[in-house]
Amino acid sequence: YAFNFPQEKHELLPEWIRPITSEDFPEGSVVLVDEAYLSFYAKDHQSEANRYMDVFSGLAGQKDILILFVTQTTRKLSLATVSGIQVLLLKRPDLMMVKLDRSELRSILKQALEAFRLLPPEARQRAVYLVSLDYEGLLPEANTPPQFWTSELSRAWQGVKLTRETPS
């Protein structure tokens, strides 16, 4: 499932990935939350969506649901959402992200940036920095898109009119 994927871009998704607009994620599913801060914004930590996700994240494992949060910066996600993650995958962080992101994550972001800097510039796009229970470090060839991926999917929000209400 793809949660919070722009409605006018649903045709970009392969048939087997279904858009979903409700946080009532089906049991046994994998849910990609695109631009997660739009729904679970840190500055609105008492919103109904953030309170629900705080409770739900404790039960996701029991419901056999894997949730993938996609965001440009963790600072924009509620702390409850960030603290519930079990695996963190980072593309090359920007210097300002390292300096200004959540204090709890700055040391990880700094290590990730240092690891990316050791790679030749042309190899950085294909790398991912992984933080998990079993491993923390750079995976040099892990960021390869699936066969269905297109440049339009990478920029799904391009051309979408934003309103004061959270888009869905």
C-alpha atoms as a PDB file:
ATOM      1  CA  TYR A   1       0.000   0.000   0.000  1.00  0.00           C
ATOM      2  CA  ALA A   2       1.028   3.605  -0.553  1.00  0.00           C
ATOM      3  CA  PHE A   3      -0.299   6.012   2.070  1.00  0.00           C
ATOM      4  CA  ASN A   4      -0.365   9.742   1.379  1.00  0.00           C
ATOM      5  CA  PHE A   5       0.583   9.341  -2.267  1.00  0.00           C
ATOM      6  CA  PRO A   6      -0.815  12.211  -4.360  1.00  0.00           C
ATOM      7  CA  GLN A   7      -4.211  11.209  -5.729  1.00  0.00           C
ATOM      8  CA  GLU A   8      -3.544  12.763  -9.136  1.00  0.00           C
ATOM      9  CA  LYS A   9      -0.431  10.549  -9.489  1.00  0.00           C
ATOM     10  CA  HIS A  10      -1.927   7.152  -8.569  1.00  0.00           C
ATOM     11  CA  GLU A  11      -1.528   5.960 -12.174  1.00  0.00           C
ATOM     12  CA  LEU A  12       2.258   6.049 -11.703  1.00  0.00           C
ATOM     13  CA  LEU A  13       2.081   3.161  -9.235  1.00  0.00           C
ATOM     14  CA  PRO A  14       2.156  -0.436 -10.449  1.00  0.00           C
ATOM     15  CA  GLU A  15      -1.155  -2.284 -10.082  1.00  0.00           C
ATOM     16  CA  TRP A  16       0.070  -4.325  -7.112  1.00  0.00           C
ATOM     17  CA  ILE A  17       0.713  -1.187  -5.016  1.00  0.00           C
ATOM     18  CA  ARG A  18      -2.616   0.186  -3.920  1.00  0.00           C
ATOM     19  CA  PRO A  19      -3.072   3.749  -2.700  1.00  0.00           C
ATOM     20  CA  ILE A  20      -4.636   4.028   0.749  1.00  0.00           C
ATOM     21  CA  THR A  21      -5.949   7.153   2.474  1.00  0.00           C
ATOM     22  CA  SER A  22      -6.863   5.743   5.883  1.00  0.00           C
ATOM     23  CA  GLU A  23      -4.466   4.890   8.709  1.00  0.00           C
ATOM     24  CA  ASP A  24      -6.467   1.677   9.152  1.00  0.00           C
ATOM     25  CA  PHE A  25      -3.676  -0.342   7.531  1.00  0.00           C
ATOM     26  CA  PRO A  26      -4.655  -3.905   6.575  1.00  0.00           C
ATOM     27  CA  GLU A  27      -3.109  -6.647   8.701  1.00  0.00           C
ATOM     28  CA  GLY A  28      -0.240  -8.481   7.015  1.00  0.00           C
ATOM     29  CA  SER A  29       0.587  -5.537   4.755  1.00  0.00           C
ATOM     30  CA  VAL A  30       3.556  -3.406   3.821  1.00  0.00           C
ATOM     31  CA  VAL A  31       2.695   0.296   3.861  1.00  0.00           C
ATOM     32  CA  LEU A  32       4.879   3.019   2.386  1.00  0.00           C
ATOM     33  CA  VAL A  33       4.043   6.394   3.939  1.00  0.00           C
ATOM     34  CA  ASP A  34       5.178   8.894   1.328  1.00  0.00           C
ATOM     35  CA  GLU A  35       6.394  12.281   2.622  1.00  0.00           C
ATOM     36  CA  ALA A  36       5.360  11.109   6.090  1.00  0.00           C
ATOM     37  CA  TYR A  37       5.658  14.544   7.724  1.00  0.00           C
ATOM     38  CA  LEU A  38       2.577  15.665   5.767  1.00  0.00           C
ATOM     39  CA  SER A  39       0.476  13.285   7.872  1.00  0.00           C
ATOM     40  CA  PHE A  40       2.578  12.960  11.046  1.00  0.00           C
ATOM     41  CA  TYR A  41       4.041  16.451  11.398  1.00  0.00           C
ATOM     42  CA  ALA A  42       6.225  17.073  14.454  1.00  0.00           C
ATOM     43  CA  LYS A  43       4.835  20.531  15.217  1.00  0.00           C
ATOM     44  CA  ASP A  44       1.352  19.031  15.426  1.00  0.00           C
ATOM     45  CA  HIS A  45       2.247  16.243  17.874  1.00  0.00           C
ATOM     46  CA  GLN A  46      -1.208  16.293  19.506  1.00  0.00           C
ATOM     47  CA  SER A  47      -3.043  15.784  16.214  1.00  0.00           C
ATOM     48  CA  GLU A  48      -5.378  12.841  15.941  1.00  0.00           C
ATOM     49  CA  ALA A  49      -3.104  11.227  13.319  1.00  0.00           C
ATOM     50  CA  ASN A  50       0.006  11.517  15.529  1.00  0.00           C
ATOM     51  CA  ARG A  51      -1.797  10.196  18.618  1.00  0.00           C
ATOM     52  CA  TYR A  52      -3.137   7.270  16.583  1.00  0.00           C
ATOM     53  CA  MET A  53       0.304   6.454  15.140  1.00  0.00           C
ATOM     54  CA  ASP A  54       1.864   6.616  18.612  1.00  0.00           C
ATOM     55  CA  VAL A  55      -0.538   3.927  19.840  1.00  0.00           C
ATOM     56  CA  PHE A  56      -0.578   1.967  16.583  1.00  0.00           C
ATOM     57  CA  SER A  57       3.217   1.691  16.284  1.00  0.00           C
ATOM     58  CA  GLY A  58       3.267  -0.513  19.374  1.00  0.00           C
ATOM     59  CA  LEU A  59       0.855  -2.951  17.735  1.00  0.00           C
ATOM     60  CA  ALA A  60       2.156  -2.959  14.156  1.00  0.00           C
ATOM     61  CA  GLY A  61       4.336  -6.021  14.799  1.00  0.00           C
ATOM     62  CA  GLN A  62       1.457  -7.974  16.295  1.00  0.00           C
ATOM     63  CA  LYS A  63      -0.660  -7.103  13.275  1.00  0.00           C
ATOM     64  CA  ASP A  64       2.195  -8.154  10.945  1.00  0.00           C
ATOM     65  CA  ILE A  65       2.357  -4.696   9.361  1.00  0.00           C
ATOM     66  CA  LEU A  66       5.593  -3.212   8.106  1.00  0.00           C
ATOM     67  CA  ILE A  67       5.474   0.580   7.807  1.00  0.00           C
ATOM     68  CA  LEU A  68       8.082   2.463   5.769  1.00  0.00           C
ATOM     69  CA  PHE A  69       8.200   6.198   6.513  1.00  0.00           C
ATOM     70  CA  VAL A  70       9.715   8.318   3.740  1.00  0.00           C
ATOM     71  CA  THR A  71      10.811  11.830   4.661  1.00  0.00           C
ATOM     72  CA  GLN A  72      13.423  14.355   3.640  1.00  0.00           C
ATOM     73  CA  THR A  73      14.251  15.005   7.303  1.00  0.00           C
ATOM     74  CA  THR A  74      13.296  13.256  10.531  1.00  0.00           C
ATOM     75  CA  ARG A  75      12.976  16.630  12.265  1.00  0.00           C
ATOM     76  CA  LYS A  76       9.582  17.073  10.589  1.00  0.00           C
ATOM     77  CA  LEU A  77       8.224  13.771  11.951  1.00  0.00           C
ATOM     78  CA  SER A  78       6.735  13.506  15.411  1.00  0.00           C
ATOM     79  CA  LEU A  79       9.178  12.181  17.999  1.00  0.00           C
ATOM     80  CA  ALA A  80       6.822   9.298  18.810  1.00  0.00           C
ATOM     81  CA  THR A  81       6.937   8.201  15.167  1.00  0.00           C
ATOM     82  CA  VAL A  82      10.728   8.448  14.975  1.00  0.00           C
ATOM     83  CA  SER A  83      11.300   6.677  18.295  1.00  0.00           C
ATOM     84  CA  GLY A  84       9.220   3.697  17.172  1.00  0.00           C
ATOM     85  CA  ILE A  85      11.358   2.842  14.145  1.00  0.00           C
ATOM     86  CA  GLN A  86      13.323  -0.389  14.140  1.00  0.00           C
ATOM     87  CA  VAL A  87      15.472   0.231  11.073  1.00  0.00           C
ATOM     88  CA  LEU A  88      16.762   3.527   9.736  1.00  0.00           C
ATOM     89  CA  LEU A  89      17.893   3.814   6.117  1.00  0.00           C
ATOM     90  CA  LEU A  90      19.597   7.065   5.176  1.00  0.00           C
ATOM     91  CA  LYS A  91      20.544   8.470   1.838  1.00  0.00           C
ATOM     92  CA  ARG A  92      23.462  10.917   1.991  1.00  0.00           C
ATOM     93  CA  PRO A  93      22.449  13.537   4.567  1.00  0.00           C
ATOM     94  CA  ASP A  94      23.015  17.210   3.880  1.00  0.00           C
ATOM     95  CA  LEU A  95      25.387  19.126   6.135  1.00  0.00           C
ATOM     96  CA  MET A  96      22.567  21.281   7.519  1.00  0.00           C
ATOM     97  CA  MET A  97      20.557  18.160   8.372  1.00  0.00           C
ATOM     98  CA  VAL A  98      23.498  16.888  10.403  1.00  0.00           C
ATOM     99  CA  LYS A  99      23.757  20.185  12.262  1.00  0.00           C
ATOM    100  CA  LEU A 100      20.061  20.963  12.743  1.00  0.00           C
ATOM    101  CA  ASP A 101      18.151  17.687  12.889  1.00  0.00           C
ATOM    102  CA  ARG A 102      16.972  16.132  16.149  1.00  0.00           C
ATOM    103  CA  SER A 103      19.693  16.033  18.773  1.00  0.00           C
ATOM    104  CA  GLU A 104      18.934  12.330  19.326  1.00  0.00           C
ATOM    105  CA  LEU A 105      19.909  11.566  15.725  1.00  0.00           C
ATOM    106  CA  ARG A 106      22.794  13.963  15.108  1.00  0.00           C
ATOM    107  CA  SER A 107      25.512  11.463  16.001  1.00  0.00           C
ATOM    108  CA  ILE A 108      24.041   8.909  13.566  1.00  0.00           C
ATOM    109  CA  LEU A 109      23.687  11.535  10.844  1.00  0.00           C
ATOM    110  CA  LYS A 110      27.273  12.674  11.410  1.00  0.00           C
ATOM    111  CA  GLN A 111      28.574   9.095  11.106  1.00  0.00           C
ATOM    112  CA  ALA A 112      26.500   8.599   7.969  1.00  0.00           C
ATOM    113  CA  LEU A 113      27.815  11.787   6.370  1.00  0.00           C
ATOM    114  CA  GLU A 114      31.396  10.810   7.188  1.00  0.00           C
ATOM    115  CA  ALA A 115      30.841   7.365   5.634  1.00  0.00           C
ATOM    116  CA  PHE A 116      29.344   8.877   2.480  1.00  0.00           C
ATOM    117  CA  ARG A 117      32.258  11.306   2.178  1.00  0.00           C
ATOM    118  CA  LEU A 118      34.649   8.328   1.944  1.00  0.00           C
ATOM    119  CA  LEU A 119      32.907   7.179  -1.235  1.00  0.00           C
ATOM    120  CA  PRO A 120      33.710   8.655  -4.624  1.00  0.00           C
ATOM    121  CA  PRO A 121      31.004  11.215  -5.533  1.00  0.00           C
ATOM    122  CA  GLU A 122      29.625   9.036  -8.348  1.00  0.00           C
ATOM    123  CA  ALA A 123      29.017   6.138  -5.895  1.00  0.00           C
ATOM    124  CA  ARG A 124      27.097   8.137  -3.274  1.00  0.00           C
ATOM    125  CA  GLN A 125      23.727   7.925  -5.060  1.00  0.00           C
ATOM    126  CA  ARG A 126      23.800   4.097  -4.896  1.00  0.00           C
ATOM    127  CA  ALA A 127      24.707   3.886  -1.195  1.00  0.00           C
ATOM    128  CA  VAL A 128      22.564   3.705   1.929  1.00  0.00           C
ATOM    129  CA  TYR A 129      23.572   4.077   5.566  1.00  0.00           C
ATOM    130  CA  LEU A 130      21.798   1.435   7.677  1.00  0.00           C
ATOM    131  CA  VAL A 131      21.069   1.480  11.401  1.00  0.00           C
ATOM    132  CA  SER A 132      19.474  -1.711  12.733  1.00  0.00           C
ATOM    133  CA  LEU A 133      19.681  -4.107  15.632  1.00  0.00           C
ATOM    134  CA  ASP A 134      22.263  -6.217  13.795  1.00  0.00           C
ATOM    135  CA  TYR A 135      24.273  -3.690  11.797  1.00  0.00           C
ATOM    136  CA  GLU A 136      25.195  -0.038  11.547  1.00  0.00           C
ATOM    137  CA  GLY A 137      27.161   1.194   8.585  1.00  0.00           C
ATOM    138  CA  LEU A 138      27.301   1.977   4.920  1.00  0.00           C
ATOM    139  CA  LEU A 139      25.872  -0.368   2.301  1.00  0.00           C
ATOM    140  CA  PRO A 140      27.586   0.864  -0.867  1.00  0.00           C
ATOM    141  CA  GLU A 141      25.317  -0.682  -3.531  1.00  0.00           C
ATOM    142  CA  ALA A 142      21.983  -0.913  -1.693  1.00  0.00           C
ATOM    143  CA  ASN A 143      20.148   2.031  -3.243  1.00  0.00           C
ATOM    144  CA  THR A 144      19.055   0.595  -6.540  1.00  0.00           C
ATOM    145  CA  PRO A 145      15.492   1.314  -7.627  1.00  0.00           C
ATOM    146  CA  PRO A 146      13.030  -1.478  -8.467  1.00  0.00           C
ATOM    147  CA  GLN A 147      12.220  -2.205 -12.115  1.00  0.00           C
ATOM    148  CA  PHE A 148       8.943  -0.269 -12.014  1.00  0.00           C
ATOM    149  CA  TRP A 149      10.656   2.937 -10.765  1.00  0.00           C
ATOM    150  CA  THR A 150      10.506   6.057 -12.892  1.00  0.00           C
ATOM    151  CA  SER A 151      11.748   9.604 -12.522  1.00  0.00           C
ATOM    152  CA  GLU A 152       8.077  10.650 -12.210  1.00  0.00           C
ATOM    153  CA  LEU A 153       7.732   8.469  -9.093  1.00  0.00           C
ATOM    154  CA  SER A 154      10.782  10.173  -7.597  1.00  0.00           C
ATOM    155  CA  ARG A 155       9.006  13.503  -8.027  1.00  0.00           C
ATOM    156  CA  ALA A 156       5.402  12.453  -7.421  1.00  0.00           C
ATOM    157  CA  TRP A 157       4.564  15.690  -5.609  1.00  0.00           C
ATOM    158  CA  GLN A 158       5.813  17.856  -8.486  1.00  0.00           C
ATOM    159  CA  GLY A 159       2.911  19.836  -9.929  1.00  0.00           C
ATOM    160  CA  VAL A 160       0.578  18.913  -7.054  1.00  0.00           C
ATOM    161  CA  LYS A 161      -1.160  21.936  -5.591  1.00  0.00           C
ATOM    162  CA  LEU A 162      -0.566  22.179  -1.856  1.00  0.00           C
ATOM    163  CA  THR A 163      -3.277  23.529   0.407  1.00  0.00           C
ATOM    164  CA  ARG A 164      -3.384  24.428   4.068  1.00  0.00           C
ATOM    165  CA  GLU A 165      -4.922  21.019   4.712  1.00  0.00           C
ATOM    166  CA  THR A 166      -2.656  17.978   4.712  1.00  0.00           C
ATOM    167  CA  PRO A 167      -2.733  16.514   1.181  1.00  0.00           C
ATOM    168  CA  SER A 168      -3.854  12.932   0.716  1.00  0.00           C
END
